[in-house]
């Protein structure tokens, strides 16, 4: 896990795939491992799924954690994700919006109701034969929101077997860009695509296309 930005009050790291935020059974989680490595207590301001890589914000003090967490709670942070699928979506771009309901085995599903909806803007492109790229902009922060959104479009994330994705060397979802404000300063961090054969092979083309969409934080 590379440190992308070190501030006296927080870190932004490039989270690795395959590690959860917190301890699972006897396996320590990312927060504990990183706290022990850096020799200081860390406070996760938000979370990324175990399969998801990319920009993750960790506060170094309780005060910074409180201040930054408010931005996530009030949806003032700015986030863009990149994803891959081997299936064509029902539409090329648009907005996925609906309530999230619990399904079996810890999964979630998208409902038609709109009482407290998850909301995700998406754009997609063809990266090659049988490979689709997505740039995703979540306006809310629901559990498994992006994974469920792509499943609802008929394009489950490659490697995301929980939601019907084709098996792969990893789940191809990456927190690409993160923007937030801290004490009067606007901060934006980009996390490089560093894991996964297809991200390494097609990542440059995917990022170039994503920038061309003029999707801004």
N, C-alpha and C. Protein backbone atom coordinates (compact mmCIF):
# COMPACT_ATOMS: atom_id res chain seq x y z
N UNK A 1 0.84 -1.19 0.00
CA UNK A 1 0.00 0.00 0.00
C UNK A 1 0.87 1.24 0.00
N UNK A 2 0.81 2.01 -1.05
CA UNK A 2 1.62 3.21 -1.17
C UNK A 2 0.92 4.40 -0.52
N UNK A 3 1.69 5.25 0.13
CA UNK A 3 1.15 6.49 0.66
C UNK A 3 1.18 7.53 -0.47
N UNK A 4 0.01 7.99 -0.86
CA UNK A 4 -0.10 8.96 -1.96
C UNK A 4 0.07 10.40 -1.46
N UNK A 5 -0.36 10.65 -0.23
CA UNK A 5 -0.27 12.00 0.34
C UNK A 5 -0.15 11.87 1.85
N UNK A 6 0.89 12.48 2.41
CA UNK A 6 1.10 12.48 3.86
C UNK A 6 0.95 13.91 4.37
N UNK A 7 -0.04 14.13 5.19
CA UNK A 7 -0.31 15.42 5.82
C UNK A 7 -0.17 15.22 7.32
N UNK A 8 0.10 16.26 8.05
CA UNK A 8 0.27 16.10 9.50
C UNK A 8 -0.99 15.56 10.18
N UNK A 9 -2.15 15.73 9.51
CA UNK A 9 -3.41 15.31 10.12
C UNK A 9 -4.05 14.09 9.44
N UNK A 10 -3.54 13.68 8.29
CA UNK A 10 -4.16 12.56 7.58
C UNK A 10 -3.19 11.96 6.56
N UNK A 11 -3.51 10.74 6.12
CA UNK A 11 -2.85 10.10 4.99
C UNK A 11 -3.90 9.78 3.93
N UNK A 12 -3.49 9.80 2.67
CA UNK A 12 -4.25 9.16 1.60
C UNK A 12 -3.36 8.06 1.05
N UNK A 13 -3.86 6.82 1.08
CA UNK A 13 -3.07 5.69 0.60
C UNK A 13 -3.72 5.10 -0.65
N UNK A 14 -2.96 4.29 -1.36
CA UNK A 14 -3.48 3.52 -2.49
C UNK A 14 -3.73 2.11 -1.96
N UNK A 15 -4.96 1.86 -1.57
CA UNK A 15 -5.30 0.57 -0.93
C UNK A 15 -5.07 -0.59 -1.89
N UNK A 16 -4.55 -1.69 -1.36
CA UNK A 16 -4.34 -2.90 -2.14
C UNK A 16 -5.62 -3.73 -2.19
N UNK A 17 -5.69 -4.61 -3.17
CA UNK A 17 -6.82 -5.54 -3.29
C UNK A 17 -6.68 -6.68 -2.29
N UNK A 18 -7.82 -7.25 -1.88
CA UNK A 18 -7.80 -8.47 -1.09
C UNK A 18 -7.63 -8.29 0.39
N UNK A 19 -7.69 -7.05 0.88
CA UNK A 19 -7.58 -6.82 2.32
C UNK A 19 -8.77 -6.00 2.78
N UNK A 20 -9.37 -6.44 3.89
CA UNK A 20 -10.50 -5.73 4.45
C UNK A 20 -10.05 -4.58 5.35
N UNK A 21 -10.99 -3.72 5.67
CA UNK A 21 -10.66 -2.57 6.51
C UNK A 21 -10.35 -3.00 7.95
N UNK A 22 -11.09 -3.98 8.45
CA UNK A 22 -10.96 -4.37 9.84
C UNK A 22 -10.72 -5.88 9.95
N UNK A 23 -10.37 -6.32 11.13
CA UNK A 23 -10.00 -7.72 11.37
C UNK A 23 -11.13 -8.66 11.00
N UNK A 24 -10.79 -9.75 10.31
CA UNK A 24 -11.74 -10.80 9.97
C UNK A 24 -11.19 -12.11 10.53
N UNK A 25 -11.81 -12.59 11.59
CA UNK A 25 -11.28 -13.78 12.26
C UNK A 25 -9.91 -13.50 12.84
N UNK A 26 -8.92 -14.30 12.45
CA UNK A 26 -7.56 -14.09 12.93
C UNK A 26 -6.75 -13.17 12.03
N UNK A 27 -7.32 -12.78 10.90
CA UNK A 27 -6.59 -11.94 9.94
C UNK A 27 -6.76 -10.47 10.28
N UNK A 28 -5.68 -9.77 10.58
CA UNK A 28 -5.79 -8.34 10.90
C UNK A 28 -6.21 -7.54 9.67
N UNK A 29 -6.92 -6.46 9.93
CA UNK A 29 -7.37 -5.61 8.84
C UNK A 29 -6.36 -4.55 8.48
N UNK A 30 -6.69 -3.81 7.44
CA UNK A 30 -5.79 -2.77 6.91
C UNK A 30 -5.47 -1.71 7.95
N UNK A 31 -6.47 -1.26 8.70
CA UNK A 31 -6.26 -0.16 9.65
C UNK A 31 -5.24 -0.58 10.71
N UNK A 32 -5.40 -1.78 11.24
CA UNK A 32 -4.45 -2.25 12.26
C UNK A 32 -3.06 -2.43 11.68
N UNK A 33 -2.96 -3.06 10.52
CA UNK A 33 -1.65 -3.30 9.92
C UNK A 33 -0.91 -2.00 9.63
N UNK A 34 -1.63 -1.03 9.08
CA UNK A 34 -0.99 0.23 8.73
C UNK A 34 -0.63 1.03 9.98
N UNK A 35 -1.50 0.97 11.00
CA UNK A 35 -1.19 1.65 12.27
C UNK A 35 0.08 1.09 12.89
N UNK A 36 0.22 -0.24 12.83
CA UNK A 36 1.42 -0.87 13.40
C UNK A 36 2.65 -0.53 12.57
N UNK A 37 2.51 -0.51 11.24
CA UNK A 37 3.64 -0.20 10.37
C UNK A 37 4.13 1.23 10.58
N UNK A 38 3.20 2.17 10.70
CA UNK A 38 3.56 3.59 10.82
C UNK A 38 3.79 4.02 12.26
N UNK A 39 3.43 3.16 13.21
CA UNK A 39 3.67 3.46 14.61
C UNK A 39 2.79 4.54 15.19
N UNK A 40 1.56 4.62 14.71
CA UNK A 40 0.63 5.63 15.22
C UNK A 40 -0.80 5.15 15.00
N UNK A 41 -1.74 5.58 15.85
CA UNK A 41 -3.14 5.21 15.63
C UNK A 41 -3.70 5.92 14.40
N UNK A 42 -4.49 5.19 13.62
CA UNK A 42 -5.12 5.77 12.43
C UNK A 42 -6.62 5.55 12.51
N UNK A 43 -7.35 6.48 11.89
CA UNK A 43 -8.80 6.46 11.96
C UNK A 43 -9.37 6.49 10.54
N UNK A 44 -10.05 5.41 10.10
CA UNK A 44 -10.58 5.40 8.74
C UNK A 44 -11.75 6.38 8.59
N UNK A 45 -11.60 7.34 7.69
CA UNK A 45 -12.64 8.34 7.46
C UNK A 45 -13.78 7.75 6.63
N UNK A 46 -13.46 6.82 5.75
CA UNK A 46 -14.45 6.10 4.96
C UNK A 46 -13.91 4.70 4.75
N UNK A 47 -14.54 3.91 3.90
CA UNK A 47 -14.08 2.54 3.70
C UNK A 47 -14.16 2.16 2.23
N UNK A 48 -13.35 1.18 1.87
CA UNK A 48 -13.41 0.55 0.56
C UNK A 48 -13.61 -0.94 0.75
N UNK A 49 -14.38 -1.57 -0.14
CA UNK A 49 -14.59 -3.01 -0.07
C UNK A 49 -13.26 -3.75 -0.18
N UNK A 50 -13.26 -4.98 0.29
CA UNK A 50 -12.05 -5.80 0.28
C UNK A 50 -11.45 -5.92 -1.11
N UNK A 51 -12.27 -6.06 -2.14
CA UNK A 51 -11.75 -6.24 -3.50
C UNK A 51 -11.32 -4.93 -4.15
N UNK A 52 -11.75 -3.80 -3.59
CA UNK A 52 -11.54 -2.50 -4.23
C UNK A 52 -10.18 -1.92 -3.88
N UNK A 53 -9.50 -1.40 -4.88
CA UNK A 53 -8.23 -0.71 -4.68
C UNK A 53 -8.46 0.80 -4.76
N UNK A 54 -7.40 1.56 -4.44
CA UNK A 54 -7.46 2.98 -4.71
C UNK A 54 -7.38 3.89 -3.50
N UNK A 55 -7.78 5.14 -3.74
CA UNK A 55 -7.58 6.22 -2.77
C UNK A 55 -8.43 6.04 -1.52
N UNK A 56 -7.75 5.95 -0.39
CA UNK A 56 -8.40 5.76 0.90
C UNK A 56 -7.84 6.79 1.88
N UNK A 57 -8.74 7.49 2.56
CA UNK A 57 -8.37 8.57 3.48
C UNK A 57 -8.40 8.08 4.92
N UNK A 58 -7.30 8.28 5.63
CA UNK A 58 -7.16 7.86 7.02
C UNK A 58 -6.70 9.07 7.84
N UNK A 59 -7.44 9.39 8.88
CA UNK A 59 -7.06 10.51 9.74
C UNK A 59 -6.00 10.07 10.74
N UNK A 60 -5.19 11.03 11.14
CA UNK A 60 -4.13 10.74 12.10
C UNK A 60 -4.48 11.22 13.51
N UNK A 61 -5.54 12.00 13.64
CA UNK A 61 -5.98 12.48 14.95
C UNK A 61 -7.51 12.37 15.03
N UNK A 62 -8.04 12.24 16.25
CA UNK A 62 -9.50 12.21 16.39
C UNK A 62 -10.17 13.47 15.85
N UNK A 63 -9.53 14.62 16.04
CA UNK A 63 -10.13 15.87 15.57
C UNK A 63 -10.23 15.89 14.04
N UNK A 64 -9.17 15.47 13.38
CA UNK A 64 -9.20 15.41 11.91
C UNK A 64 -10.23 14.39 11.44
N UNK A 65 -10.34 13.29 12.15
CA UNK A 65 -11.32 12.27 11.78
C UNK A 65 -12.74 12.85 11.84
N UNK A 66 -13.05 13.58 12.90
CA UNK A 66 -14.37 14.18 13.03
C UNK A 66 -14.64 15.17 11.90
N UNK A 67 -13.68 16.02 11.62
CA UNK A 67 -13.87 17.06 10.60
C UNK A 67 -14.03 16.45 9.22
N UNK A 68 -13.20 15.48 8.89
CA UNK A 68 -13.27 14.87 7.56
C UNK A 68 -14.49 13.96 7.41
N UNK A 69 -14.84 13.27 8.49
CA UNK A 69 -15.99 12.37 8.42
C UNK A 69 -17.29 13.13 8.15
N UNK A 70 -17.38 14.35 8.65
CA UNK A 70 -18.57 15.17 8.40
C UNK A 70 -18.76 15.40 6.90
N UNK A 71 -17.66 15.61 6.18
CA UNK A 71 -17.77 15.83 4.73
C UNK A 71 -18.33 14.61 4.02
N UNK A 72 -17.92 13.43 4.42
CA UNK A 72 -18.47 12.22 3.82
C UNK A 72 -19.94 12.06 4.19
N UNK A 73 -20.27 12.33 5.45
CA UNK A 73 -21.66 12.20 5.89
C UNK A 73 -22.57 13.19 5.17
N UNK A 74 -22.05 14.38 4.88
CA UNK A 74 -22.84 15.42 4.22
C UNK A 74 -22.68 15.39 2.70
N UNK A 75 -21.97 14.38 2.18
CA UNK A 75 -21.80 14.16 0.74
C UNK A 75 -21.11 15.36 0.05
N UNK A 76 -20.11 15.89 0.73
CA UNK A 76 -19.36 17.02 0.17
C UNK A 76 -18.04 16.58 -0.46
N UNK A 77 -17.67 15.33 -0.29
CA UNK A 77 -16.45 14.83 -0.92
C UNK A 77 -16.74 14.54 -2.39
N UNK A 78 -15.66 14.41 -3.17
CA UNK A 78 -15.78 14.22 -4.62
C UNK A 78 -15.01 12.95 -4.98
N UNK A 79 -15.71 11.99 -5.60
CA UNK A 79 -15.12 10.67 -5.84
C UNK A 79 -15.39 10.21 -7.27
N UNK A 80 -14.37 9.62 -7.88
CA UNK A 80 -14.50 8.97 -9.18
C UNK A 80 -13.85 7.59 -9.10
N UNK A 81 -14.52 6.60 -9.66
CA UNK A 81 -14.03 5.23 -9.68
C UNK A 81 -13.90 4.76 -11.12
N UNK A 82 -13.00 3.81 -11.33
CA UNK A 82 -12.87 3.12 -12.61
C UNK A 82 -13.22 1.65 -12.41
N UNK A 83 -13.86 1.07 -13.42
CA UNK A 83 -14.24 -0.34 -13.33
C UNK A 83 -14.18 -0.98 -14.71
N UNK A 84 -14.09 -2.31 -14.71
CA UNK A 84 -14.11 -3.09 -15.95
C UNK A 84 -15.20 -4.14 -15.87
N UNK A 85 -15.81 -4.42 -17.01
CA UNK A 85 -16.77 -5.51 -17.14
C UNK A 85 -16.58 -6.16 -18.51
N UNK A 86 -16.98 -7.42 -18.61
CA UNK A 86 -16.90 -8.09 -19.91
C UNK A 86 -18.29 -8.18 -20.56
N UNK A 87 -19.23 -7.36 -20.05
CA UNK A 87 -20.59 -7.39 -20.60
C UNK A 87 -21.08 -5.98 -20.92
N UNK A 88 -21.82 -5.87 -22.01
CA UNK A 88 -22.32 -4.58 -22.48
C UNK A 88 -23.45 -4.08 -21.59
N UNK A 89 -23.39 -2.81 -21.15
CA UNK A 89 -24.48 -2.28 -20.33
C UNK A 89 -25.73 -2.00 -21.16
N UNK A 90 -26.87 -1.90 -20.49
CA UNK A 90 -28.13 -1.64 -21.19
C UNK A 90 -28.15 -0.24 -21.80
N UNK A 91 -27.33 0.67 -21.26
CA UNK A 91 -27.17 1.99 -21.86
C UNK A 91 -25.74 2.46 -21.62
N UNK A 92 -25.26 3.33 -22.49
CA UNK A 92 -23.85 3.72 -22.49
C UNK A 92 -23.50 4.65 -21.34
N UNK A 93 -24.41 5.52 -20.97
CA UNK A 93 -24.15 6.46 -19.88
C UNK A 93 -25.47 6.86 -19.25
N UNK A 94 -25.40 7.45 -18.07
CA UNK A 94 -26.62 7.89 -17.42
C UNK A 94 -26.49 7.88 -15.91
N UNK A 95 -27.63 7.75 -15.24
CA UNK A 95 -27.70 7.79 -13.78
C UNK A 95 -28.43 6.54 -13.29
N UNK A 96 -27.81 5.86 -12.34
CA UNK A 96 -28.47 4.73 -11.67
C UNK A 96 -28.92 5.22 -10.31
N UNK A 97 -30.22 5.09 -10.05
CA UNK A 97 -30.76 5.67 -8.81
C UNK A 97 -31.87 4.77 -8.27
N UNK A 98 -31.79 4.44 -6.99
CA UNK A 98 -32.81 3.62 -6.36
C UNK A 98 -32.39 3.25 -4.95
N UNK A 99 -33.36 2.83 -4.16
CA UNK A 99 -33.06 2.40 -2.81
C UNK A 99 -32.27 1.09 -2.82
N UNK A 100 -31.43 0.92 -1.82
CA UNK A 100 -30.67 -0.31 -1.66
C UNK A 100 -31.36 -1.18 -0.61
N UNK A 101 -31.63 -2.44 -0.98
CA UNK A 101 -32.27 -3.37 -0.06
C UNK A 101 -31.36 -4.57 0.18
N UNK A 102 -31.38 -5.10 1.39
CA UNK A 102 -30.58 -6.27 1.71
C UNK A 102 -31.10 -7.50 0.96
N UNK A 103 -30.17 -8.29 0.45
CA UNK A 103 -30.50 -9.55 -0.21
C UNK A 103 -29.86 -10.68 0.60
N UNK A 104 -29.79 -11.85 0.02
CA UNK A 104 -29.26 -12.99 0.75
C UNK A 104 -27.74 -12.94 0.89
N UNK A 105 -27.26 -13.53 1.98
CA UNK A 105 -25.83 -13.75 2.15
C UNK A 105 -24.98 -12.50 2.21
N UNK A 106 -25.53 -11.41 2.71
CA UNK A 106 -24.75 -10.19 2.82
C UNK A 106 -24.69 -9.35 1.56
N UNK A 107 -25.43 -9.73 0.54
CA UNK A 107 -25.48 -8.95 -0.70
C UNK A 107 -26.58 -7.89 -0.60
N UNK A 108 -26.60 -7.02 -1.60
CA UNK A 108 -27.60 -5.96 -1.68
C UNK A 108 -28.22 -5.97 -3.08
N UNK A 109 -29.38 -5.35 -3.19
CA UNK A 109 -30.03 -5.23 -4.49
C UNK A 109 -30.63 -3.83 -4.64
N UNK A 110 -30.82 -3.42 -5.88
CA UNK A 110 -31.37 -2.10 -6.18
C UNK A 110 -32.88 -2.21 -6.32
N UNK A 111 -33.59 -1.37 -5.59
CA UNK A 111 -35.05 -1.36 -5.64
C UNK A 111 -35.53 -0.20 -6.51
N UNK A 112 -36.79 -0.24 -6.91
CA UNK A 112 -37.37 0.83 -7.71
C UNK A 112 -37.78 2.03 -6.86
N UNK A 113 -37.93 1.81 -5.55
CA UNK A 113 -38.35 2.89 -4.67
C UNK A 113 -37.26 3.95 -4.53
N UNK A 114 -37.65 5.15 -4.09
CA UNK A 114 -36.72 6.29 -4.04
C UNK A 114 -36.79 7.01 -2.70
N UNK A 115 -37.01 6.29 -1.63
CA UNK A 115 -37.15 6.96 -0.33
C UNK A 115 -35.81 7.47 0.22
N UNK A 116 -34.75 6.71 0.03
CA UNK A 116 -33.39 7.12 0.43
C UNK A 116 -32.41 6.51 -0.57
N UNK A 117 -32.45 6.98 -1.81
CA UNK A 117 -31.78 6.24 -2.89
C UNK A 117 -30.27 6.39 -2.93
N UNK A 118 -29.62 5.33 -3.42
CA UNK A 118 -28.23 5.41 -3.87
C UNK A 118 -28.24 6.04 -5.26
N UNK A 119 -27.24 6.86 -5.54
CA UNK A 119 -27.22 7.59 -6.81
C UNK A 119 -25.82 7.57 -7.40
N UNK A 120 -25.71 7.10 -8.64
CA UNK A 120 -24.41 6.94 -9.29
C UNK A 120 -24.50 7.38 -10.75
N UNK A 121 -23.65 8.32 -11.14
CA UNK A 121 -23.50 8.72 -12.55
C UNK A 121 -22.45 7.82 -13.19
N UNK A 122 -22.69 7.38 -14.44
CA UNK A 122 -21.72 6.51 -15.09
C UNK A 122 -21.56 6.85 -16.57
N UNK A 123 -20.38 6.57 -17.08
CA UNK A 123 -20.06 6.63 -18.51
C UNK A 123 -19.33 5.33 -18.84
N UNK A 124 -19.53 4.78 -20.04
CA UNK A 124 -18.87 3.54 -20.41
C UNK A 124 -18.28 3.64 -21.80
N UNK A 125 -17.31 2.78 -22.07
CA UNK A 125 -16.68 2.75 -23.39
C UNK A 125 -16.23 1.32 -23.70
N UNK A 126 -16.00 1.04 -24.96
CA UNK A 126 -15.45 -0.25 -25.39
C UNK A 126 -13.93 -0.14 -25.42
N UNK A 127 -13.26 -0.97 -24.62
CA UNK A 127 -11.80 -0.94 -24.55
C UNK A 127 -11.15 -1.97 -25.46
N UNK A 128 -11.93 -2.91 -25.93
CA UNK A 128 -11.42 -3.99 -26.77
C UNK A 128 -12.49 -5.06 -26.87
N UNK A 129 -12.21 -6.07 -27.62
CA UNK A 129 -13.18 -7.14 -27.80
C UNK A 129 -13.57 -7.75 -26.45
N UNK A 130 -14.84 -7.58 -26.09
CA UNK A 130 -15.33 -8.18 -24.86
C UNK A 130 -14.90 -7.49 -23.58
N UNK A 131 -14.46 -6.24 -23.66
CA UNK A 131 -14.02 -5.54 -22.45
C UNK A 131 -14.58 -4.12 -22.45
N UNK A 132 -15.31 -3.78 -21.40
CA UNK A 132 -15.92 -2.47 -21.24
C UNK A 132 -15.28 -1.73 -20.06
N UNK A 133 -15.03 -0.45 -20.27
CA UNK A 133 -14.52 0.39 -19.21
C UNK A 133 -15.61 1.32 -18.69
N UNK A 134 -15.58 1.63 -17.41
CA UNK A 134 -16.56 2.51 -16.78
C UNK A 134 -15.85 3.55 -15.92
N UNK A 135 -16.35 4.78 -15.96
CA UNK A 135 -16.00 5.77 -14.94
C UNK A 135 -17.29 6.05 -14.17
N UNK A 136 -17.19 5.96 -12.85
CA UNK A 136 -18.36 6.00 -11.97
C UNK A 136 -18.22 7.15 -10.99
N UNK A 137 -19.28 7.92 -10.83
CA UNK A 137 -19.27 9.03 -9.88
C UNK A 137 -20.42 8.85 -8.89
N UNK A 138 -20.13 8.30 -7.71
CA UNK A 138 -21.19 8.12 -6.72
C UNK A 138 -21.51 9.43 -6.01
N UNK A 139 -22.79 9.72 -5.88
CA UNK A 139 -23.22 10.89 -5.13
C UNK A 139 -23.63 10.52 -3.71
N UNK A 140 -23.74 9.24 -3.45
CA UNK A 140 -24.03 8.73 -2.12
C UNK A 140 -22.98 7.67 -1.79
N UNK A 141 -23.01 7.17 -0.55
CA UNK A 141 -21.98 6.22 -0.14
C UNK A 141 -22.56 4.96 0.49
N UNK A 142 -23.46 4.30 -0.22
CA UNK A 142 -24.11 3.10 0.29
C UNK A 142 -23.19 1.88 0.15
N UNK A 143 -23.40 0.89 1.02
CA UNK A 143 -22.65 -0.35 0.94
C UNK A 143 -22.87 -1.05 -0.40
N UNK A 144 -21.78 -1.41 -1.07
CA UNK A 144 -21.80 -2.11 -2.36
C UNK A 144 -22.52 -1.33 -3.46
N UNK A 145 -22.63 -0.03 -3.29
CA UNK A 145 -23.40 0.79 -4.23
C UNK A 145 -22.97 0.63 -5.68
N UNK A 146 -21.68 0.75 -5.95
CA UNK A 146 -21.20 0.70 -7.34
C UNK A 146 -21.31 -0.71 -7.91
N UNK A 147 -21.06 -1.69 -7.09
CA UNK A 147 -21.16 -3.08 -7.54
C UNK A 147 -22.59 -3.43 -7.93
N UNK A 148 -23.55 -2.97 -7.14
CA UNK A 148 -24.96 -3.21 -7.43
C UNK A 148 -25.41 -2.39 -8.63
N UNK A 149 -24.91 -1.16 -8.76
CA UNK A 149 -25.27 -0.31 -9.89
C UNK A 149 -24.88 -0.96 -11.21
N UNK A 150 -23.67 -1.50 -11.30
CA UNK A 150 -23.23 -2.12 -12.54
C UNK A 150 -23.97 -3.43 -12.80
N UNK A 151 -24.27 -4.17 -11.75
CA UNK A 151 -25.09 -5.36 -11.95
C UNK A 151 -26.45 -4.99 -12.53
N UNK A 152 -27.04 -3.89 -12.04
CA UNK A 152 -28.36 -3.48 -12.52
C UNK A 152 -28.34 -3.06 -13.98
N UNK A 153 -27.16 -2.68 -14.48
CA UNK A 153 -27.01 -2.31 -15.89
C UNK A 153 -26.72 -3.51 -16.79
N UNK A 154 -26.63 -4.69 -16.17
CA UNK A 154 -26.28 -5.89 -16.93
C UNK A 154 -24.80 -6.04 -17.17
N UNK A 155 -23.99 -5.27 -16.44
CA UNK A 155 -22.53 -5.30 -16.60
C UNK A 155 -21.85 -5.46 -15.24
N UNK A 156 -22.03 -6.61 -14.58
CA UNK A 156 -21.36 -6.78 -13.29
C UNK A 156 -19.85 -6.64 -13.45
N UNK A 157 -19.23 -6.15 -12.40
CA UNK A 157 -17.79 -5.90 -12.43
C UNK A 157 -17.03 -7.20 -12.63
N UNK A 158 -16.07 -7.18 -13.51
CA UNK A 158 -15.23 -8.34 -13.78
C UNK A 158 -14.55 -8.77 -12.48
N UNK A 159 -14.69 -10.04 -12.13
CA UNK A 159 -14.10 -10.56 -10.91
C UNK A 159 -14.99 -10.45 -9.69
N UNK A 160 -16.12 -9.77 -9.80
CA UNK A 160 -17.02 -9.60 -8.66
C UNK A 160 -18.06 -10.72 -8.67
N UNK A 161 -17.65 -11.89 -8.24
CA UNK A 161 -18.51 -13.07 -8.33
C UNK A 161 -19.74 -12.98 -7.44
N UNK A 162 -19.68 -12.21 -6.37
CA UNK A 162 -20.85 -12.02 -5.51
C UNK A 162 -22.04 -11.48 -6.31
N UNK A 163 -21.75 -10.61 -7.27
CA UNK A 163 -22.81 -9.98 -8.05
C UNK A 163 -22.85 -10.46 -9.49
N UNK A 164 -22.37 -11.67 -9.71
CA UNK A 164 -22.50 -12.29 -11.02
C UNK A 164 -21.40 -11.96 -12.00
N UNK A 165 -20.32 -11.39 -11.54
CA UNK A 165 -19.21 -11.06 -12.43
C UNK A 165 -18.42 -12.30 -12.81
N UNK A 166 -17.83 -12.25 -14.00
CA UNK A 166 -17.00 -13.35 -14.47
C UNK A 166 -15.74 -13.47 -13.60
N UNK A 167 -15.36 -14.67 -13.17
CA UNK A 167 -14.15 -14.83 -12.36
C UNK A 167 -12.92 -14.22 -13.04
N UNK A 168 -12.07 -13.59 -12.26
CA UNK A 168 -10.86 -12.94 -12.78
C UNK A 168 -9.82 -12.91 -11.67
N UNK A 169 -8.64 -12.37 -11.96
CA UNK A 169 -7.56 -12.34 -10.98
C UNK A 169 -7.82 -11.36 -9.85
N UNK A 170 -8.81 -10.47 -10.01
CA UNK A 170 -9.20 -9.54 -8.96
C UNK A 170 -10.57 -8.95 -9.32
N UNK A 171 -11.18 -8.27 -8.37
CA UNK A 171 -12.38 -7.51 -8.69
C UNK A 171 -11.96 -6.16 -9.26
N UNK A 172 -12.40 -5.87 -10.46
CA UNK A 172 -11.88 -4.70 -11.18
C UNK A 172 -12.67 -3.42 -10.88
N UNK A 173 -12.51 -2.95 -9.63
CA UNK A 173 -13.07 -1.68 -9.18
C UNK A 173 -11.98 -0.91 -8.46
N UNK A 174 -11.79 0.37 -8.84
CA UNK A 174 -10.67 1.15 -8.34
C UNK A 174 -11.13 2.57 -8.02
N UNK A 175 -10.84 3.02 -6.78
CA UNK A 175 -11.13 4.39 -6.37
C UNK A 175 -10.04 5.30 -6.96
N UNK A 176 -10.35 5.91 -8.09
CA UNK A 176 -9.36 6.58 -8.92
C UNK A 176 -9.00 7.99 -8.44
N UNK A 177 -10.00 8.78 -8.16
CA UNK A 177 -9.75 10.17 -7.74
C UNK A 177 -10.61 10.50 -6.52
N UNK A 178 -10.00 11.22 -5.58
CA UNK A 178 -10.68 11.62 -4.36
C UNK A 178 -10.41 13.10 -4.11
N UNK A 179 -11.48 13.85 -3.91
CA UNK A 179 -11.35 15.27 -3.62
C UNK A 179 -12.09 15.63 -2.34
N UNK A 180 -11.47 16.47 -1.52
CA UNK A 180 -12.11 16.91 -0.28
C UNK A 180 -11.47 18.25 0.12
N UNK A 181 -12.07 18.91 1.08
CA UNK A 181 -11.55 20.17 1.59
C UNK A 181 -11.08 19.97 3.02
N UNK A 182 -9.98 20.61 3.35
CA UNK A 182 -9.49 20.51 4.72
C UNK A 182 -8.94 21.85 5.15
N UNK A 183 -9.66 22.46 6.06
CA UNK A 183 -9.25 23.74 6.67
C UNK A 183 -8.90 24.78 5.62
N UNK A 184 -9.82 24.93 4.67
CA UNK A 184 -9.68 25.97 3.66
C UNK A 184 -8.89 25.58 2.43
N UNK A 185 -8.37 24.37 2.41
CA UNK A 185 -7.58 23.90 1.26
C UNK A 185 -8.34 22.81 0.51
N UNK A 186 -8.43 22.99 -0.81
CA UNK A 186 -9.04 21.95 -1.66
C UNK A 186 -7.97 20.92 -2.00
N UNK A 187 -8.24 19.67 -1.71
CA UNK A 187 -7.29 18.58 -1.92
C UNK A 187 -7.85 17.63 -2.96
N UNK A 188 -7.01 17.22 -3.92
CA UNK A 188 -7.41 16.21 -4.89
C UNK A 188 -6.26 15.23 -5.07
N UNK A 189 -6.57 13.95 -5.00
CA UNK A 189 -5.56 12.90 -5.09
C UNK A 189 -5.99 11.89 -6.15
N UNK A 190 -5.04 11.48 -7.00
CA UNK A 190 -5.29 10.43 -7.99
C UNK A 190 -4.50 9.20 -7.60
N UNK A 191 -5.17 8.06 -7.56
CA UNK A 191 -4.52 6.80 -7.21
C UNK A 191 -4.20 6.02 -8.48
N UNK A 192 -2.93 5.74 -8.76
CA UNK A 192 -2.56 4.98 -9.97
C UNK A 192 -3.16 3.57 -9.97
N UNK A 193 -3.40 3.06 -11.17
CA UNK A 193 -3.84 1.67 -11.33
C UNK A 193 -2.62 0.77 -11.22
N UNK A 194 -2.50 0.08 -10.10
CA UNK A 194 -1.26 -0.64 -9.81
C UNK A 194 -1.43 -2.15 -9.69
N UNK A 195 -2.67 -2.65 -9.72
CA UNK A 195 -2.90 -4.09 -9.52
C UNK A 195 -3.92 -4.61 -10.53
N UNK A 196 -3.70 -5.86 -10.95
CA UNK A 196 -4.64 -6.50 -11.86
C UNK A 196 -4.13 -6.48 -13.29
N UNK A 197 -4.07 -7.64 -13.92
CA UNK A 197 -3.49 -7.73 -15.27
C UNK A 197 -4.18 -6.80 -16.26
N UNK A 198 -5.49 -6.74 -16.22
CA UNK A 198 -6.21 -5.92 -17.20
C UNK A 198 -6.06 -4.43 -16.91
N UNK A 199 -6.01 -4.05 -15.64
CA UNK A 199 -5.75 -2.65 -15.31
C UNK A 199 -4.35 -2.25 -15.77
N UNK A 200 -3.39 -3.14 -15.62
CA UNK A 200 -2.03 -2.83 -16.05
C UNK A 200 -1.94 -2.78 -17.57
N UNK A 201 -2.67 -3.67 -18.25
CA UNK A 201 -2.62 -3.71 -19.72
C UNK A 201 -3.43 -2.59 -20.36
N UNK A 202 -4.59 -2.30 -19.81
CA UNK A 202 -5.52 -1.34 -20.43
C UNK A 202 -5.71 -0.07 -19.62
N UNK A 203 -5.00 0.05 -18.51
CA UNK A 203 -5.21 1.18 -17.61
C UNK A 203 -4.94 2.53 -18.25
N UNK A 204 -3.87 2.61 -19.04
CA UNK A 204 -3.53 3.90 -19.67
C UNK A 204 -4.64 4.35 -20.61
N UNK A 205 -5.15 3.43 -21.41
CA UNK A 205 -6.25 3.76 -22.32
C UNK A 205 -7.51 4.11 -21.54
N UNK A 206 -7.77 3.40 -20.46
CA UNK A 206 -8.95 3.67 -19.64
C UNK A 206 -8.89 5.05 -19.00
N UNK A 207 -7.73 5.39 -18.45
CA UNK A 207 -7.59 6.71 -17.83
C UNK A 207 -7.68 7.82 -18.86
N UNK A 208 -7.05 7.63 -20.01
CA UNK A 208 -7.10 8.64 -21.08
C UNK A 208 -8.54 8.89 -21.49
N UNK A 209 -9.31 7.82 -21.66
CA UNK A 209 -10.72 7.97 -22.03
C UNK A 209 -11.50 8.66 -20.91
N UNK A 210 -11.24 8.28 -19.65
CA UNK A 210 -11.97 8.87 -18.54
C UNK A 210 -11.73 10.37 -18.45
N UNK A 211 -10.48 10.80 -18.66
CA UNK A 211 -10.18 12.24 -18.66
C UNK A 211 -10.94 12.92 -19.80
N UNK A 212 -11.04 12.26 -20.94
CA UNK A 212 -11.68 12.87 -22.12
C UNK A 212 -13.17 13.08 -21.94
N UNK A 213 -13.75 12.38 -20.98
CA UNK A 213 -15.20 12.53 -20.73
C UNK A 213 -15.52 13.84 -20.00
N UNK A 214 -14.49 14.55 -19.60
CA UNK A 214 -14.68 15.80 -18.86
C UNK A 214 -15.48 15.58 -17.58
N UNK A 215 -15.30 14.42 -16.99
CA UNK A 215 -15.93 14.15 -15.69
C UNK A 215 -15.04 14.76 -14.63
N UNK A 216 -15.50 15.81 -14.00
CA UNK A 216 -14.66 16.57 -13.08
C UNK A 216 -15.10 16.36 -11.64
N UNK A 217 -14.16 16.54 -10.75
CA UNK A 217 -14.47 16.45 -9.32
C UNK A 217 -15.12 17.74 -8.85
